[in-house]
Amino acid sequence: SDDVSAFVAGWRHENLVNGVRAGDLSTRSLGDLNMDGITNLQDWTILNVANPQLASSVSNALASVPEPTLGLLTTLIGVAAVVALARR
């Protein structure tokens, strides 16, 4: 649903105003339910209490988003393999 997409799109989004993290209507639309300026597990917990079915959908959608470090690790392994083959 659109709410799930918005929450996933806003995941780990941080709103800084003059170097201070602050929540506002724009962060709320990205899933910042506690208005602390970042969409994180605290917001998911609020969502889970309010609507467990929607929170489950968010959890499933977030699980399908690859972790950036996994992408980096895969790239490094690929580069190492190419270098090893080139040295032969």
Protein backbone atom coordinates (compact mmCIF):
# COMPACT_ATOMS: atom_id res chain seq x y z
CA SER A 1 0.00 0.00 0.00
CA ASP A 2 1.02 3.65 -0.23
CA ASP A 3 1.68 3.80 3.52
CA VAL A 4 4.09 0.87 3.29
CA SER A 5 5.87 2.45 0.32
CA ALA A 6 6.20 5.77 2.15
CA PHE A 7 7.58 4.11 5.28
CA VAL A 8 10.11 2.07 3.29
CA ALA A 9 11.13 5.12 1.22
CA GLY A 10 11.67 7.10 4.41
CA TRP A 11 13.56 4.34 6.22
CA ARG A 12 16.64 5.80 7.97
CA HIS A 13 15.82 9.26 6.53
CA GLU A 14 17.13 11.91 8.91
CA ASN A 15 15.96 15.52 8.95
CA LEU A 16 18.59 17.98 10.21
CA VAL A 17 17.73 21.63 10.84
CA ASN A 18 20.80 23.74 11.66
CA GLY A 19 22.61 20.54 12.63
CA VAL A 20 19.85 19.39 14.98
CA ARG A 21 17.63 16.40 14.19
CA ALA A 22 14.00 17.55 14.14
CA GLY A 23 10.69 16.02 13.13
CA ASP A 24 8.07 17.88 11.13
CA LEU A 25 5.21 17.16 8.74
CA SER A 26 7.61 16.11 5.97
CA THR A 27 9.34 13.53 8.19
CA ARG A 28 5.95 12.32 9.44
CA SER A 29 4.95 11.61 5.82
CA LEU A 30 8.11 9.46 5.56
CA GLY A 31 7.14 7.34 8.55
CA ASP A 32 8.63 9.39 11.40
CA LEU A 33 5.73 8.55 13.71
CA ASN A 34 7.36 9.80 16.92
CA MET A 35 8.49 13.04 15.25
CA ASP A 36 12.13 12.71 16.36
CA GLY A 37 13.47 13.49 12.89
CA ILE A 38 14.44 9.97 11.80
CA THR A 39 12.47 6.98 10.56
CA ASN A 40 13.76 3.95 12.45
CA LEU A 41 12.76 0.98 14.61
CA GLN A 42 11.12 3.22 17.20
CA ASP A 43 8.68 4.37 14.51
CA TRP A 44 8.11 0.79 13.34
CA THR A 45 7.29 -0.17 16.95
CA ILE A 46 4.65 2.57 17.12
CA LEU A 47 3.24 1.34 13.80
CA ASN A 48 3.27 -2.27 15.02
CA VAL A 49 1.24 -1.39 18.12
CA ALA A 50 -1.24 0.68 16.12
CA ASN A 51 -1.59 -1.66 13.13
CA PRO A 52 0.23 -5.03 13.31
CA GLN A 53 -0.85 -6.07 9.80
CA LEU A 54 0.57 -2.91 8.22
CA ALA A 55 3.75 -3.22 10.32
CA SER A 56 4.17 -6.78 9.03
CA SER A 57 3.92 -5.51 5.45
CA VAL A 58 6.57 -2.87 6.21
CA SER A 59 8.82 -5.50 7.78
CA ASN A 60 8.52 -7.72 4.71
CA ALA A 61 9.23 -4.79 2.37
CA LEU A 62 12.29 -3.74 4.39
CA ALA A 63 13.60 -7.31 4.37
CA SER A 64 13.64 -7.23 0.57
CA VAL A 65 15.83 -4.07 0.51
CA PRO A 66 19.47 -5.21 0.27
CA GLU A 67 21.82 -4.00 2.97
CA PRO A 68 24.47 -1.63 1.53
CA THR A 69 27.35 -3.49 3.18
CA LEU A 70 26.27 -6.71 1.47
CA GLY A 71 26.52 -4.97 -1.90
CA LEU A 72 29.97 -3.66 -1.04
CA LEU A 73 31.12 -7.08 0.15
CA THR A 74 29.84 -8.71 -3.05
CA THR A 75 31.67 -6.09 -5.14
CA LEU A 76 34.93 -6.60 -3.23
CA ILE A 77 34.73 -10.37 -3.67
CA GLY A 78 34.13 -9.88 -7.39
CA VAL A 79 37.12 -7.54 -7.73
CA ALA A 80 39.33 -9.94 -5.77
CA ALA A 81 38.29 -12.80 -8.06
CA VAL A 82 39.10 -10.77 -11.18
CA VAL A 83 42.51 -9.75 -9.78
CA ALA A 84 43.29 -13.36 -8.83
CA LEU A 85 42.39 -14.58 -12.32
CA ALA A 86 44.42 -11.80 -13.96
CA ARG A 87 47.55 -12.80 -12.01
CA ARG A 88 47.44 -16.35 -13.35
